[in-house]
Amino acid sequence: MTVPAHADDARVVLYTREGCHLCEAAEHIVAEVVAATGDDWVRVDIDTDPQLRERFSEQVPVTFVDGRQHDFWRVDPARLRAALERG
């Protein structure tokens, strides 16, 4: 897996924040799924950008696939894998 330098270059973007136990679980699931599919992904800490923090503050983790919001709060591995296979 190649980790893109920018969120716009990744197939999967996971918006998270430090100290979020749901984010840690989501990151683990995303990493496993994309390792199996060969897709790129990137983690973005919403607290590094005021606009992201305002947009996603109560929803993290938030998962985007191909630029569209896919999930928030939890990542279902089967659902993520299906979305990546469809794309």
Protein backbone atom coordinates (compact mmCIF):
# COMPACT_ATOMS: atom_id res chain seq x y z
CA MET A 1 0.00 0.00 0.00
CA THR A 2 1.20 3.48 -0.84
CA VAL A 3 0.18 6.22 1.54
CA PRO A 4 -0.73 9.29 -0.52
CA ALA A 5 0.70 12.63 0.46
CA HIS A 6 -2.69 14.33 0.29
CA ALA A 7 -6.26 13.26 1.05
CA ASP A 8 -7.34 14.10 -2.51
CA ASP A 9 -4.96 11.43 -3.82
CA ALA A 10 -6.34 8.58 -1.69
CA ARG A 11 -9.16 6.22 -2.49
CA VAL A 12 -10.13 6.04 1.21
CA VAL A 13 -9.90 8.99 3.58
CA LEU A 14 -10.43 8.46 7.29
CA TYR A 15 -11.10 11.64 9.28
CA THR A 16 -10.18 11.16 12.93
CA ARG A 17 -8.96 12.95 16.03
CA GLU A 18 -6.51 12.11 18.79
CA GLY A 19 -7.92 10.33 21.83
CA CYS A 20 -10.89 8.88 19.95
CA HIS A 21 -11.26 5.15 20.64
CA LEU A 22 -13.71 4.72 17.74
CA CYS A 23 -11.12 6.34 15.47
CA GLU A 24 -8.46 3.87 16.56
CA ALA A 25 -10.77 0.94 15.82
CA ALA A 26 -11.76 2.44 12.45
CA GLU A 27 -8.13 2.98 11.48
CA HIS A 28 -7.35 -0.67 12.20
CA ILE A 29 -10.28 -1.85 10.05
CA VAL A 30 -9.49 0.50 7.16
CA ALA A 31 -5.84 -0.57 7.19
CA GLU A 32 -6.80 -4.26 7.05
CA VAL A 33 -9.35 -3.82 4.25
CA VAL A 34 -7.13 -1.69 2.01
CA ALA A 35 -4.20 -4.04 2.59
CA ALA A 36 -6.37 -6.79 1.15
CA THR A 37 -7.72 -4.72 -1.77
CA GLY A 38 -4.48 -2.89 -2.60
CA ASP A 39 -6.10 0.54 -2.39
CA ASP A 40 -4.58 3.72 -1.00
CA TRP A 41 -5.81 5.41 2.14
CA VAL A 42 -4.91 8.31 4.35
CA ARG A 43 -5.76 9.38 7.90
CA VAL A 44 -6.56 13.05 8.47
CA ASP A 45 -6.72 14.54 11.97
CA ILE A 46 -9.65 16.98 11.93
CA ASP A 47 -8.11 19.01 14.74
CA THR A 48 -5.36 20.22 12.39
CA ASP A 49 -7.90 22.17 10.30
CA PRO A 50 -10.62 24.44 11.76
CA GLN A 51 -12.98 23.77 8.83
CA LEU A 52 -12.68 20.00 9.21
CA ARG A 53 -13.12 20.27 12.97
CA GLU A 54 -16.31 22.28 12.48
CA ARG A 55 -17.65 19.94 9.79
CA PHE A 56 -16.91 16.58 11.45
CA SER A 57 -16.53 17.32 15.15
CA GLU A 58 -19.33 15.07 16.43
CA GLN A 59 -19.13 12.42 13.70
CA VAL A 60 -15.55 11.10 13.84
CA PRO A 61 -14.40 8.79 12.62
CA VAL A 62 -15.74 9.66 9.19
CA THR A 63 -14.83 7.52 6.18
CA PHE A 64 -14.86 8.74 2.59
CA VAL A 65 -14.49 6.44 -0.42
CA ASP A 66 -13.73 7.97 -3.82
CA GLY A 67 -14.52 11.43 -2.50
CA ARG A 68 -17.96 10.57 -1.09
CA GLN A 69 -18.88 10.10 2.53
CA HIS A 70 -19.21 6.40 3.21
CA ASP A 71 -19.62 5.99 6.99
CA PHE A 72 -19.26 7.73 10.31
CA TRP A 73 -18.69 6.53 13.89
CA ARG A 74 -17.96 2.94 12.85
CA VAL A 75 -16.46 1.19 9.82
CA ASP A 76 -18.06 -2.05 8.68
CA PRO A 77 -15.30 -4.03 6.95
CA ALA A 78 -17.66 -5.88 4.59
CA ARG A 79 -19.39 -2.66 3.57
CA LEU A 80 -16.06 -0.91 2.98
CA ARG A 81 -14.72 -3.82 0.94
CA ALA A 82 -17.91 -3.84 -1.18
CA ALA A 83 -17.61 -0.10 -1.83
CA LEU A 84 -14.02 -0.50 -2.96
CA GLU A 85 -14.93 -3.41 -5.24
CA ARG A 86 -17.76 -1.40 -6.83
CA GLY A 87 -15.53 1.58 -7.52
